[in-house]
Amino acid sequence: MTRRQFQGIVTSHKTDKTATVRVDRLLMHPKYKKRYTLSKKYLVHDAENKAKAGDAVTFKESRPISKQKRWVLVSVDKTV
């Protein structure tokens, strides 16, 4: 089974080995056809503390690392 993989923007990197990443989705209202954005935050395990706030990153699903962390950083795509 393949693991889910997302791309997002790092919003916070204040905790050790953890980055908060925001993933935005663009949706369209079924009746009014207006586009709107839904965003969700994920806690991502960053073992080497590579990601900084504002970076675009890719992360994937993993085993539970802590109470809220179930995602692991794959790569830092674009730095600020």
Protein backbone atom coordinates (compact mmCIF):
# COMPACT_ATOMS: atom_id res chain seq x y z
CA MET A 1 0.00 0.00 0.00
CA THR A 2 1.37 3.41 -0.95
CA ARG A 3 1.72 6.11 1.64
CA ARG A 4 0.01 9.45 1.23
CA GLN A 5 2.27 12.34 0.30
CA PHE A 6 1.53 16.08 0.53
CA GLN A 7 3.21 19.38 -0.22
CA GLY A 8 2.80 22.42 2.00
CA ILE A 9 4.32 25.52 3.56
CA VAL A 10 6.08 25.45 6.94
CA THR A 11 4.31 27.88 9.29
CA SER A 12 6.27 27.18 12.49
CA HIS A 13 9.45 25.39 13.50
CA LYS A 14 9.69 26.36 17.17
CA THR A 15 9.70 22.86 18.62
CA ASP A 16 12.68 20.52 18.33
CA LYS A 17 12.46 18.02 15.44
CA THR A 18 8.89 19.10 14.59
CA ALA A 19 7.56 21.43 11.90
CA THR A 20 4.00 22.67 11.53
CA VAL A 21 3.03 22.51 7.86
CA ARG A 22 -0.06 24.08 6.25
CA VAL A 23 -1.58 22.32 3.23
CA ASP A 24 -4.04 24.31 1.11
CA ARG A 25 -6.70 22.75 -1.12
CA LEU A 26 -8.63 24.66 -3.76
CA LEU A 27 -12.27 23.56 -3.97
CA MET A 28 -15.30 24.69 -5.94
CA HIS A 29 -18.73 25.22 -4.43
CA PRO A 30 -21.18 22.77 -6.07
CA LYS A 31 -24.01 25.27 -6.48
CA TYR A 32 -22.39 28.69 -6.81
CA LYS A 33 -19.23 27.54 -8.65
CA LYS A 34 -17.06 29.85 -6.58
CA ARG A 35 -13.58 28.68 -5.69
CA TYR A 36 -12.49 28.69 -2.07
CA THR A 37 -9.46 27.48 -0.12
CA LEU A 38 -9.46 24.94 2.68
CA SER A 39 -6.28 24.63 4.72
CA LYS A 40 -5.20 22.03 7.25
CA LYS A 41 -2.18 21.88 9.56
CA TYR A 42 0.01 18.82 10.02
CA LEU A 43 2.77 18.16 12.56
CA VAL A 44 5.71 16.76 10.61
CA HIS A 45 8.76 15.00 12.07
CA ASP A 46 11.93 16.80 10.95
CA ALA A 47 14.82 14.82 12.51
CA GLU A 48 17.60 17.09 11.20
CA ASN A 49 15.75 20.43 11.71
CA LYS A 50 16.24 21.31 8.01
CA ALA A 51 12.95 23.12 7.38
CA LYS A 52 12.47 26.75 8.36
CA ALA A 53 9.34 28.90 8.45
CA GLY A 54 8.17 29.76 4.93
CA ASP A 55 9.84 26.81 3.20
CA ALA A 56 7.89 24.64 0.76
CA VAL A 57 8.22 21.00 1.83
CA THR A 58 7.08 17.50 0.86
CA PHE A 59 6.09 15.02 3.57
CA LYS A 60 4.64 11.53 3.73
CA GLU A 61 2.64 9.31 6.07
CA SER A 62 4.50 7.16 8.60
CA ARG A 63 4.07 5.21 11.80
CA PRO A 64 2.96 7.18 14.89
CA ILE A 65 5.98 9.05 16.24
CA SER A 66 4.22 10.88 19.08
CA LYS A 67 0.68 11.75 20.15
CA GLN A 68 0.04 14.01 17.13
CA LYS A 69 2.94 13.32 14.72
CA ARG A 70 2.20 10.77 12.00
CA TRP A 71 4.11 12.44 9.16
CA VAL A 72 7.80 12.49 8.16
CA LEU A 73 9.60 15.15 6.14
CA VAL A 74 10.74 13.88 2.73
CA SER A 75 12.40 16.98 1.26
CA VAL A 76 12.66 20.75 1.44
CA ASP A 77 11.57 21.87 -2.05
CA LYS A 78 12.03 25.63 -1.94
CA THR A 79 13.63 27.76 0.76
CA VAL A 80 12.89 31.37 1.58
